[in-house]
């Protein structure tokens, strides 16, 4: 597995990260806002640490991710390789049927 680039804060290093990369489709999209994430950038063969800072709404699965290096981007996390802290996902609500339908569009 590629390494995470950059200095990861101590409290994030101590978390257990999910091994699944499709975690973004397993939980309600609104639940991810505020969550630290690691996003795989295949062209760099590296995981980048960031925080989900926004969500585009009920009919969109796009999230704004702000990376620790200051960059940010709007991503369809359901189509990205993403890992989240396992403890934060333990009580995560699943997506609704409406949200899953929007993703399929």
PDB file of N, CA and C in Angstrom:
ATOM      1  N   UNK A   1       0.845  -1.174   0.000  1.00  0.00           N
ATOM      2  CA  UNK A   1       0.000   0.000   0.000  1.00  0.00           C
ATOM      3  C   UNK A   1       0.889   1.236   0.000  1.00  0.00           C
ATOM      4  N   UNK A   2       0.556   2.248  -0.802  1.00  0.00           N
ATOM      5  CA  UNK A   2       1.341   3.469  -0.819  1.00  0.00           C
ATOM      6  C   UNK A   2       1.282   4.174   0.532  1.00  0.00           C
ATOM      7  N   UNK A   3       2.314   4.887   0.839  1.00  0.00           N
ATOM      8  CA  UNK A   3       2.365   5.624   2.106  1.00  0.00           C
ATOM      9  C   UNK A   3       1.576   6.920   2.004  1.00  0.00           C
ATOM     10  N   UNK A   4       1.174   7.437   3.171  1.00  0.00           N
ATOM     11  CA  UNK A   4       0.528   8.747   3.222  1.00  0.00           C
ATOM     12  C   UNK A   4       1.624   9.790   3.184  1.00  0.00           C
ATOM     13  N   UNK A   5       1.475  10.761   2.312  1.00  0.00           N
ATOM     14  CA  UNK A   5       2.472  11.828   2.217  1.00  0.00           C
ATOM     15  C   UNK A   5       2.185  12.900   3.245  1.00  0.00           C
ATOM     16  N   UNK A   6       3.239  13.554   3.698  1.00  0.00           N
ATOM     17  CA  UNK A   6       3.086  14.658   4.637  1.00  0.00           C
ATOM     18  C   UNK A   6       3.053  14.161   6.068  1.00  0.00           C
ATOM     19  N   UNK A   7       3.177  15.092   6.976  1.00  0.00           N
ATOM     20  CA  UNK A   7       3.177  14.769   8.401  1.00  0.00           C
ATOM     21  C   UNK A   7       1.743  14.614   8.883  1.00  0.00           C
ATOM     22  N   UNK A   8       1.402  13.433   9.360  1.00  0.00           N
ATOM     23  CA  UNK A   8       0.066  13.180   9.871  1.00  0.00           C
ATOM     24  C   UNK A   8       0.042  13.530  11.359  1.00  0.00           C
ATOM     25  N   UNK A   9      -0.920  14.360  11.798  1.00  0.00           N
ATOM     26  CA  UNK A   9      -1.005  14.690  13.219  1.00  0.00           C
ATOM     27  C   UNK A   9      -1.100  13.434  14.080  1.00  0.00           C
ATOM     28  N   UNK A  10      -0.535  13.504  15.283  1.00  0.00           N
ATOM     29  CA  UNK A  10      -0.443  12.340  16.166  1.00  0.00           C
ATOM     30  C   UNK A  10      -1.798  11.692  16.403  1.00  0.00           C
ATOM     31  N   UNK A  11      -2.859  12.498  16.658  1.00  0.00           N
ATOM     32  CA  UNK A  11      -4.163  11.912  16.952  1.00  0.00           C
ATOM     33  C   UNK A  11      -4.724  11.145  15.748  1.00  0.00           C
ATOM     34  N   UNK A  12      -4.344  11.519  14.539  1.00  0.00           N
ATOM     35  CA  UNK A  12      -4.794  10.776  13.361  1.00  0.00           C
ATOM     36  C   UNK A  12      -3.953   9.534  13.131  1.00  0.00           C
ATOM     37  N   UNK A  13      -2.674   9.586  13.475  1.00  0.00           N
ATOM     38  CA  UNK A  13      -1.820   8.393  13.347  1.00  0.00           C
ATOM     39  C   UNK A  13      -2.316   7.269  14.234  1.00  0.00           C
ATOM     40  N   UNK A  14      -2.919   7.610  15.378  1.00  0.00           N
ATOM     41  CA  UNK A  14      -3.358   6.611  16.337  1.00  0.00           C
ATOM     42  C   UNK A  14      -4.685   5.964  15.961  1.00  0.00           C
ATOM     43  N   UNK A  15      -5.394   6.500  14.988  1.00  0.00           N
ATOM     44  CA  UNK A  15      -6.678   5.936  14.574  1.00  0.00           C
ATOM     45  C   UNK A  15      -6.463   4.674  13.746  1.00  0.00           C
ATOM     46  N   UNK A  16      -7.445   3.803  13.778  1.00  0.00           N
ATOM     47  CA  UNK A  16      -7.471   2.648  12.893  1.00  0.00           C
ATOM     48  C   UNK A  16      -8.255   3.058  11.657  1.00  0.00           C
ATOM     49  N   UNK A  17      -7.616   3.001  10.509  1.00  0.00           N
ATOM     50  CA  UNK A  17      -8.257   3.409   9.260  1.00  0.00           C
ATOM     51  C   UNK A  17      -8.898   2.194   8.603  1.00  0.00           C
ATOM     52  N   UNK A  18     -10.018   2.431   7.922  1.00  0.00           N
ATOM     53  CA  UNK A  18     -10.698   1.349   7.213  1.00  0.00           C
ATOM     54  C   UNK A  18      -9.787   0.790   6.132  1.00  0.00           C
ATOM     55  N   UNK A  19      -9.952  -0.481   5.862  1.00  0.00           N
ATOM     56  CA  UNK A  19      -9.196  -1.058   4.764  1.00  0.00           C
ATOM     57  C   UNK A  19     -10.001  -0.983   3.463  1.00  0.00           C
ATOM     58  N   UNK A  20     -11.330  -0.816   3.599  1.00  0.00           N
ATOM     59  CA  UNK A  20     -12.157  -0.705   2.403  1.00  0.00           C
ATOM     60  C   UNK A  20     -11.953   0.668   1.771  1.00  0.00           C
ATOM     61  N   UNK A  21     -11.880   0.669   0.471  1.00  0.00           N
ATOM     62  CA  UNK A  21     -11.719   1.936  -0.240  1.00  0.00           C
ATOM     63  C   UNK A  21     -13.050   2.485  -0.726  1.00  0.00           C
ATOM     64  N   UNK A  22     -14.116   1.693  -0.630  1.00  0.00           N
ATOM     65  CA  UNK A  22     -15.421   2.144  -1.106  1.00  0.00           C
ATOM     66  C   UNK A  22     -16.308   2.630   0.038  1.00  0.00           C
ATOM     67  N   UNK A  23     -15.688   3.047   1.122  1.00  0.00           N
ATOM     68  CA  UNK A  23     -16.421   3.417   2.327  1.00  0.00           C
ATOM     69  C   UNK A  23     -17.412   4.557   2.085  1.00  0.00           C
ATOM     70  N   UNK A  24     -17.148   5.417   1.122  1.00  0.00           N
ATOM     71  CA  UNK A  24     -18.009   6.580   0.893  1.00  0.00           C
ATOM     72  C   UNK A  24     -19.413   6.201   0.436  1.00  0.00           C
ATOM     73  N   UNK A  25     -19.615   5.011  -0.105  1.00  0.00           N
ATOM     74  CA  UNK A  25     -20.959   4.608  -0.521  1.00  0.00           C
ATOM     75  C   UNK A  25     -21.669   3.793   0.554  1.00  0.00           C
ATOM     76  N   UNK A  26     -21.004   3.542   1.658  1.00  0.00           N
ATOM     77  CA  UNK A  26     -21.595   2.730   2.726  1.00  0.00           C
ATOM     78  C   UNK A  26     -22.282   3.558   3.800  1.00  0.00           C
ATOM     79  N   UNK A  27     -22.087   4.875   3.775  1.00  0.00           N
ATOM     80  CA  UNK A  27     -22.665   5.740   4.802  1.00  0.00           C
ATOM     81  C   UNK A  27     -23.399   6.904   4.145  1.00  0.00           C
ATOM     82  N   UNK A  28     -24.280   7.514   4.919  1.00  0.00           N
ATOM     83  CA  UNK A  28     -24.980   8.696   4.435  1.00  0.00           C
ATOM     84  C   UNK A  28     -23.964   9.777   4.070  1.00  0.00           C
ATOM     85  N   UNK A  29     -24.102  10.400   2.907  1.00  0.00           N
ATOM     86  CA  UNK A  29     -23.105  11.385   2.484  1.00  0.00           C
ATOM     87  C   UNK A  29     -22.960  12.556   3.455  1.00  0.00           C
ATOM     88  N   UNK A  30     -24.022  12.940   4.124  1.00  0.00           N
ATOM     89  CA  UNK A  30     -23.930  14.062   5.063  1.00  0.00           C
ATOM     90  C   UNK A  30     -23.091  13.698   6.284  1.00  0.00           C
ATOM     91  N   UNK A  31     -23.002  12.421   6.619  1.00  0.00           N
ATOM     92  CA  UNK A  31     -22.249  11.963   7.784  1.00  0.00           C
ATOM     93  C   UNK A  31     -20.746  12.185   7.619  1.00  0.00           C
ATOM     94  N   UNK A  32     -20.275  12.237   6.387  1.00  0.00           N
ATOM     95  CA  UNK A  32     -18.847  12.382   6.132  1.00  0.00           C
ATOM     96  C   UNK A  32     -18.323  13.797   6.395  1.00  0.00           C
ATOM     97  N   UNK A  33     -19.208  14.786   6.444  1.00  0.00           N
ATOM     98  CA  UNK A  33     -18.769  16.172   6.653  1.00  0.00           C
ATOM     99  C   UNK A  33     -18.117  16.298   8.026  1.00  0.00           C
ATOM    100  N   UNK A  34     -16.904  16.810   8.033  1.00  0.00           N
ATOM    101  CA  UNK A  34     -16.124  16.961   9.253  1.00  0.00           C
ATOM    102  C   UNK A  34     -15.179  15.798   9.518  1.00  0.00           C
ATOM    103  N   UNK A  35     -15.271  14.748   8.720  1.00  0.00           N
ATOM    104  CA  UNK A  35     -14.483  13.541   8.947  1.00  0.00           C
ATOM    105  C   UNK A  35     -13.113  13.635   8.258  1.00  0.00           C
ATOM    106  N   UNK A  36     -12.055  13.188   8.953  1.00  0.00           N
ATOM    107  CA  UNK A  36     -10.773  13.065   8.267  1.00  0.00           C
ATOM    108  C   UNK A  36     -10.841  11.895   7.286  1.00  0.00           C
ATOM    109  N   UNK A  37     -10.192  12.056   6.156  1.00  0.00           N
ATOM    110  CA  UNK A  37     -10.177  11.014   5.129  1.00  0.00           C
ATOM    111  C   UNK A  37      -8.783  10.916   4.528  1.00  0.00           C
ATOM    112  N   UNK A  38      -8.509   9.754   3.970  1.00  0.00           N
ATOM    113  CA  UNK A  38      -7.324   9.578   3.139  1.00  0.00           C
ATOM    114  C   UNK A  38      -7.846   9.269   1.741  1.00  0.00           C
ATOM    115  N   UNK A  39      -7.370  10.023   0.754  1.00  0.00           N
ATOM    116  CA  UNK A  39      -7.792   9.852  -0.634  1.00  0.00           C
ATOM    117  C   UNK A  39      -6.593   9.381  -1.443  1.00  0.00           C
ATOM    118  N   UNK A  40      -6.795   8.294  -2.183  1.00  0.00           N
ATOM    119  CA  UNK A  40      -5.719   7.764  -3.027  1.00  0.00           C
ATOM    120  C   UNK A  40      -5.636   8.570  -4.313  1.00  0.00           C
ATOM    121  N   UNK A  41      -4.451   9.039  -4.612  1.00  0.00           N
ATOM    122  CA  UNK A  41      -4.167   9.669  -5.900  1.00  0.00           C
ATOM    123  C   UNK A  41      -3.331   8.662  -6.687  1.00  0.00           C
ATOM    124  N   UNK A  42      -3.963   7.897  -7.581  1.00  0.00           N
ATOM    125  CA  UNK A  42      -3.245   6.826  -8.295  1.00  0.00           C
ATOM    126  C   UNK A  42      -2.038   7.325  -9.081  1.00  0.00           C
ATOM    127  N   UNK A  43      -2.134   8.517  -9.665  1.00  0.00           N
ATOM    128  CA  UNK A  43      -1.006   9.022 -10.458  1.00  0.00           C
ATOM    129  C   UNK A  43       0.222   9.290  -9.599  1.00  0.00           C
ATOM    130  N   UNK A  44       0.022   9.542  -8.299  1.00  0.00           N
ATOM    131  CA  UNK A  44       1.143   9.746  -7.382  1.00  0.00           C
ATOM    132  C   UNK A  44       1.461   8.485  -6.578  1.00  0.00           C
ATOM    133  N   UNK A  45       0.594   7.479  -6.667  1.00  0.00           N
ATOM    134  CA  UNK A  45       0.719   6.259  -5.854  1.00  0.00           C
ATOM    135  C   UNK A  45       0.851   6.620  -4.378  1.00  0.00           C
ATOM    136  N   UNK A  46       0.002   7.570  -3.934  1.00  0.00           N
ATOM    137  CA  UNK A  46       0.077   8.043  -2.549  1.00  0.00           C
ATOM    138  C   UNK A  46      -1.322   8.354  -2.026  1.00  0.00           C
ATOM    139  N   UNK A  47      -1.473   8.183  -0.720  1.00  0.00           N
ATOM    140  CA  UNK A  47      -2.689   8.574  -0.026  1.00  0.00           C
ATOM    141  C   UNK A  47      -2.473   9.973   0.530  1.00  0.00           C
ATOM    142  N   UNK A  48      -3.456  10.851   0.337  1.00  0.00           N
ATOM    143  CA  UNK A  48      -3.363  12.210   0.858  1.00  0.00           C
ATOM    144  C   UNK A  48      -4.409  12.402   1.944  1.00  0.00           C
ATOM    145  N   UNK A  49      -3.971  12.973   3.058  1.00  0.00           N
ATOM    146  CA  UNK A  49      -4.833  13.196   4.204  1.00  0.00           C
ATOM    147  C   UNK A  49      -5.554  14.529   4.062  1.00  0.00           C
ATOM    148  N   UNK A  50      -6.851  14.486   4.327  1.00  0.00           N
ATOM    149  CA  UNK A  50      -7.649  15.708   4.281  1.00  0.00           C
ATOM    150  C   UNK A  50      -8.841  15.595   5.201  1.00  0.00           C
ATOM    151  N   UNK A  51      -9.689  16.592   5.141  1.00  0.00           N
ATOM    152  CA  UNK A  51     -10.920  16.620   5.922  1.00  0.00           C
ATOM    153  C   UNK A  51     -12.061  16.963   4.982  1.00  0.00           C
ATOM    154  N   UNK A  52     -13.166  16.243   5.116  1.00  0.00           N
ATOM    155  CA  UNK A  52     -14.367  16.567   4.338  1.00  0.00           C
ATOM    156  C   UNK A  52     -14.983  17.801   4.993  1.00  0.00           C
ATOM    157  N   UNK A  53     -15.038  18.900   4.254  1.00  0.00           N
ATOM    158  CA  UNK A  53     -15.522  20.156   4.827  1.00  0.00           C
ATOM    159  C   UNK A  53     -16.888  20.575   4.309  1.00  0.00           C
ATOM    160  N   UNK A  54     -17.414  19.877   3.330  1.00  0.00           N
ATOM    161  CA  UNK A  54     -18.723  20.241   2.812  1.00  0.00           C
ATOM    162  C   UNK A  54     -19.316  19.148   1.950  1.00  0.00           C
ATOM    163  N   UNK A  55     -20.598  19.282   1.721  1.00  0.00           N
ATOM    164  CA  UNK A  55     -21.346  18.323   0.909  1.00  0.00           C
ATOM    165  C   UNK A  55     -22.309  19.123   0.056  1.00  0.00           C
ATOM    166  N   UNK A  56     -22.477  18.751  -1.194  1.00  0.00           N
ATOM    167  CA  UNK A  56     -23.270  19.527  -2.143  1.00  0.00           C
ATOM    168  C   UNK A  56     -24.782  19.363  -2.003  1.00  0.00           C
ATOM    169  N   UNK A  57     -25.244  18.461  -1.155  1.00  0.00           N
ATOM    170  CA  UNK A  57     -26.676  18.364  -0.919  1.00  0.00           C
ATOM    171  C   UNK A  57     -27.277  17.020  -1.251  1.00  0.00           C
ATOM    172  N   UNK A  58     -28.566  16.908  -0.975  1.00  0.00           N
ATOM    173  CA  UNK A  58     -29.302  15.648  -1.046  1.00  0.00           C
ATOM    174  C   UNK A  58     -29.220  14.942  -2.396  1.00  0.00           C
ATOM    175  N   UNK A  59     -29.116  15.697  -3.487  1.00  0.00           N
ATOM    176  CA  UNK A  59     -29.130  15.083  -4.814  1.00  0.00           C
ATOM    177  C   UNK A  59     -27.733  15.011  -5.439  1.00  0.00           C
ATOM    178  N   UNK A  60     -26.725  15.199  -4.616  1.00  0.00           N
ATOM    179  CA  UNK A  60     -25.349  15.121  -5.095  1.00  0.00           C
ATOM    180  C   UNK A  60     -24.509  14.390  -4.061  1.00  0.00           C
ATOM    181  N   UNK A  61     -23.582  13.611  -4.524  1.00  0.00           N
ATOM    182  CA  UNK A  61     -22.665  12.918  -3.613  1.00  0.00           C
ATOM    183  C   UNK A  61     -21.307  13.603  -3.620  1.00  0.00           C
ATOM    184  N   UNK A  62     -21.225  14.813  -4.160  1.00  0.00           N
ATOM    185  CA  UNK A  62     -19.948  15.509  -4.202  1.00  0.00           C
ATOM    186  C   UNK A  62     -19.645  16.144  -2.852  1.00  0.00           C
ATOM    187  N   UNK A  63     -18.406  15.967  -2.429  1.00  0.00           N
ATOM    188  CA  UNK A  63     -17.929  16.509  -1.165  1.00  0.00           C
ATOM    189  C   UNK A  63     -16.720  17.397  -1.429  1.00  0.00           C
ATOM    190  N   UNK A  64     -16.578  18.420  -0.596  1.00  0.00           N
ATOM    191  CA  UNK A  64     -15.373  19.242  -0.648  1.00  0.00           C
ATOM    192  C   UNK A  64     -14.378  18.647   0.337  1.00  0.00           C
ATOM    193  N   UNK A  65     -13.177  18.373  -0.153  1.00  0.00           N
ATOM    194  CA  UNK A  65     -12.099  17.849   0.681  1.00  0.00           C
ATOM    195  C   UNK A  65     -10.993  18.899   0.724  1.00  0.00           C
ATOM    196  N   UNK A  66     -10.604  19.269   1.948  1.00  0.00           N
ATOM    197  CA  UNK A  66      -9.479  20.174   2.136  1.00  0.00           C
ATOM    198  C   UNK A  66      -8.319  19.343   2.665  1.00  0.00           C
ATOM    199  N   UNK A  67      -7.211  19.377   1.912  1.00  0.00           N
ATOM    200  CA  UNK A  67      -6.040  18.579   2.246  1.00  0.00           C
ATOM    201  C   UNK A  67      -5.138  19.324   3.216  1.00  0.00           C
ATOM    202  N   UNK A  68      -4.322  18.555   3.926  1.00  0.00           N
ATOM    203  CA  UNK A  68      -3.445  19.146   4.941  1.00  0.00           C
ATOM    204  C   UNK A  68      -2.411  20.094   4.341  1.00  0.00           C
ATOM    205  N   UNK A  69      -2.136  19.977   3.026  1.00  0.00           N
ATOM    206  CA  UNK A  69      -1.167  20.884   2.397  1.00  0.00           C
ATOM    207  C   UNK A  69      -1.807  22.181   1.909  1.00  0.00           C
ATOM    208  N   UNK A  70      -3.126  22.346   2.169  1.00  0.00           N
ATOM    209  CA  UNK A  70      -3.805  23.581   1.791  1.00  0.00           C
ATOM    210  C   UNK A  70      -4.630  23.474   0.519  1.00  0.00           C
ATOM    211  N   UNK A  71      -4.401  22.457  -0.285  1.00  0.00           N
ATOM    212  CA  UNK A  71      -5.214  22.265  -1.491  1.00  0.00           C
ATOM    213  C   UNK A  71      -6.611  21.810  -1.104  1.00  0.00           C
ATOM    214  N   UNK A  72      -7.570  22.050  -1.978  1.00  0.00           N
ATOM    215  CA  UNK A  72      -8.925  21.539  -1.783  1.00  0.00           C
ATOM    216  C   UNK A  72      -9.505  21.199  -3.150  1.00  0.00           C
ATOM    217  N   UNK A  73     -10.492  20.309  -3.122  1.00  0.00           N
ATOM    218  CA  UNK A  73     -11.163  19.948  -4.370  1.00  0.00           C
ATOM    219  C   UNK A  73     -12.542  19.390  -4.060  1.00  0.00           C
ATOM    220  N   UNK A  74     -13.394  19.451  -5.051  1.00  0.00           N
ATOM    221  CA  UNK A  74     -14.724  18.868  -4.979  1.00  0.00           C
ATOM    222  C   UNK A  74     -14.646  17.493  -5.614  1.00  0.00           C
ATOM    223  N   UNK A  75     -15.000  16.451  -4.846  1.00  0.00           N
ATOM    224  CA  UNK A  75     -14.860  15.073  -5.316  1.00  0.00           C
ATOM    225  C   UNK A  75     -16.162  14.301  -5.184  1.00  0.00           C
ATOM    226  N   UNK A  76     -16.390  13.409  -6.092  1.00  0.00           N
ATOM    227  CA  UNK A  76     -17.443  12.421  -5.956  1.00  0.00           C
ATOM    228  C   UNK A  76     -16.798  11.249  -5.215  1.00  0.00           C
ATOM    229  N   UNK A  77     -16.836  11.299  -3.884  1.00  0.00           N
ATOM    230  CA  UNK A  77     -16.107  10.332  -3.069  1.00  0.00           C
ATOM    231  C   UNK A  77     -16.523   8.897  -3.353  1.00  0.00           C
ATOM    232  N   UNK A  78     -17.746   8.697  -3.804  1.00  0.00           N
ATOM    233  CA  UNK A  78     -18.213   7.351  -4.126  1.00  0.00           C
ATOM    234  C   UNK A  78     -17.432   6.742  -5.289  1.00  0.00           C
ATOM    235  N   UNK A  79     -16.754   7.572  -6.073  1.00  0.00           N
ATOM    236  CA  UNK A  79     -15.966   7.091  -7.213  1.00  0.00           C
ATOM    237  C   UNK A  79     -14.466   7.158  -6.955  1.00  0.00           C
ATOM    238  N   UNK A  80     -14.082   7.494  -5.730  1.00  0.00           N
ATOM    239  CA  UNK A  80     -12.674   7.601  -5.361  1.00  0.00           C
ATOM    240  C   UNK A  80     -12.304   6.476  -4.409  1.00  0.00           C
ATOM    241  N   UNK A  81     -11.030   6.209  -4.309  1.00  0.00           N
ATOM    242  CA  UNK A  81     -10.511   5.297  -3.284  1.00  0.00           C
ATOM    243  C   UNK A  81     -10.306   6.154  -2.032  1.00  0.00           C
ATOM    244  N   UNK A  82     -11.115   5.868  -0.999  1.00  0.00           N
ATOM    245  CA  UNK A  82     -11.133   6.690   0.212  1.00  0.00           C
ATOM    246  C   UNK A  82     -11.082   5.783   1.431  1.00  0.00           C
ATOM    247  N   UNK A  83     -10.341   6.199   2.439  1.00  0.00           N
ATOM    248  CA  UNK A  83     -10.343   5.505   3.723  1.00  0.00           C
ATOM    249  C   UNK A  83     -10.721   6.508   4.804  1.00  0.00           C
ATOM    250  N   UNK A  84     -11.438   6.013   5.827  1.00  0.00           N
ATOM    251  CA  UNK A  84     -11.888   6.831   6.949  1.00  0.00           C
ATOM    252  C   UNK A  84     -11.533   6.117   8.248  1.00  0.00           C
ATOM    253  N   UNK A  85     -11.469   6.868   9.347  1.00  0.00           N
ATOM    254  CA  UNK A  85     -11.220   6.206  10.636  1.00  0.00           C
ATOM    255  C   UNK A  85     -12.359   5.237  10.972  1.00  0.00           C
ATOM    256  N   UNK A  86     -12.013   3.992  11.251  1.00  0.00           N
ATOM    257  CA  UNK A  86     -13.014   2.949  11.502  1.00  0.00           C
ATOM    258  C   UNK A  86     -13.913   3.291  12.683  1.00  0.00           C
ATOM    259  N   UNK A  87     -13.348   3.864  13.746  1.00  0.00           N
ATOM    260  CA  UNK A  87     -14.149   4.190  14.929  1.00  0.00           C
ATOM    261  C   UNK A  87     -15.247   5.201  14.613  1.00  0.00           C
ATOM    262  N   UNK A  88     -14.974   6.110  13.699  1.00  0.00           N
ATOM    263  CA  UNK A  88     -15.968   7.128  13.355  1.00  0.00           C
ATOM    264  C   UNK A  88     -17.077   6.571  12.477  1.00  0.00           C
ATOM    265  N   UNK A  89     -16.829   5.432  11.863  1.00  0.00           N
ATOM    266  CA  UNK A  89     -17.839   4.816  10.990  1.00  0.00           C
ATOM    267  C   UNK A  89     -18.708   3.794  11.722  1.00  0.00           C
ATOM    268  N   UNK A  90     -18.335   3.452  12.942  1.00  0.00           N
ATOM    269  CA  UNK A  90     -19.027   2.387  13.673  1.00  0.00           C
ATOM    270  C   UNK A  90     -20.520   2.642  13.819  1.00  0.00           C
ATOM    271  N   UNK A  91     -20.918   3.882  13.995  1.00  0.00           N
ATOM    272  CA  UNK A  91     -22.340   4.191  14.187  1.00  0.00           C
ATOM    273  C   UNK A  91     -22.899   5.016  13.036  1.00  0.00           C
ATOM    274  N   UNK A  92     -22.248   4.975  11.906  1.00  0.00           N
ATOM    275  CA  UNK A  92     -22.668   5.780  10.757  1.00  0.00           C
ATOM    276  C   UNK A  92     -23.983   5.269  10.172  1.00  0.00           C
ATOM    277  N   UNK A  93     -24.906   6.187   9.871  1.00  0.00           N
ATOM    278  CA  UNK A  93     -26.148   5.768   9.232  1.00  0.00           C
ATOM    279  C   UNK A  93     -25.901   5.413   7.760  1.00  0.00           C
ATOM    280  N   UNK A  94     -26.625   4.441   7.249  1.00  0.00           N
ATOM    281  CA  UNK A  94     -26.476   4.097   5.827  1.00  0.00           C
ATOM    282  C   UNK A  94     -27.141   5.164   4.967  1.00  0.00           C
ATOM    283  N   UNK A  95     -26.804   5.208   3.690  1.00  0.00           N
ATOM    284  CA  UNK A  95     -27.477   6.146   2.802  1.00  0.00           C
ATOM    285  C   UNK A  95     -28.949   5.759   2.632  1.00  0.00           C
ATOM    286  N   UNK A  96     -29.777   6.766   2.406  1.00  0.00           N
ATOM    287  CA  UNK A  96     -31.192   6.507   2.165  1.00  0.00           C
ATOM    288  C   UNK A  96     -31.383   6.006   0.739  1.00  0.00           C
ATOM    289  N   UNK A  97     -32.556   5.479   0.466  1.00  0.00           N
ATOM    290  CA  UNK A  97     -32.873   5.023  -0.895  1.00  0.00           C
ATOM    291  C   UNK A  97     -32.794   6.201  -1.873  1.00  0.00           C
ATOM    292  N   UNK A  98     -33.241   7.381  -1.464  1.00  0.00           N
ATOM    293  CA  UNK A  98     -33.195   8.572  -2.301  1.00  0.00           C
ATOM    294  C   UNK A  98     -31.751   8.933  -2.635  1.00  0.00           C
ATOM    295  N   UNK A  99     -30.871   8.848  -1.632  1.00  0.00           N
ATOM    296  CA  UNK A  99     -29.467   9.172  -1.857  1.00  0.00           C
ATOM    297  C   UNK A  99     -28.818   8.159  -2.803  1.00  0.00           C
ATOM    298  N   UNK A 100     -29.132   6.885  -2.636  1.00  0.00           N
ATOM    299  CA  UNK A 100     -28.584   5.865  -3.523  1.00  0.00           C
ATOM    300  C   UNK A 100     -29.087   6.050  -4.958  1.00  0.00           C
ATOM    301  N   UNK A 101     -30.354   6.441  -5.102  1.00  0.00           N
ATOM    302  CA  UNK A 101     -30.906   6.707  -6.418  1.00  0.00           C
ATOM    303  C   UNK A 101     -30.172   7.873  -7.079  1.00  0.00           C
ATOM    304  N   UNK A 102     -29.903   8.934  -6.291  1.00  0.00           N
ATOM    305  CA  UNK A 102     -29.170  10.092  -6.825  1.00  0.00           C
ATOM    306  C   UNK A 102     -27.775   9.678  -7.278  1.00  0.00           C
ATOM    307  N   UNK A 103     -27.131   8.798  -6.534  1.00  0.00           N
ATOM    308  CA  UNK A 103     -25.799   8.339  -6.906  1.00  0.00           C
ATOM    309  C   UNK A 103     -25.836   7.576  -8.228  1.00  0.00           C
ATOM    310  N   UNK A 104     -26.882   6.816  -8.448  1.00  0.00           N
ATOM    311  CA  UNK A 104     -27.012   6.025  -9.666  1.00  0.00           C
ATOM    312  C   UNK A 104     -27.241   6.884 -10.909  1.00  0.00           C
ATOM    313  N   UNK A 105     -27.650   8.119 -10.725  1.00  0.00           N
ATOM    314  CA  UNK A 105     -27.943   9.002 -11.866  1.00  0.00           C
ATOM    315  C   UNK A 105     -26.713   9.469 -12.548  1.00  0.00           C
TER     316      UNK A 105
END
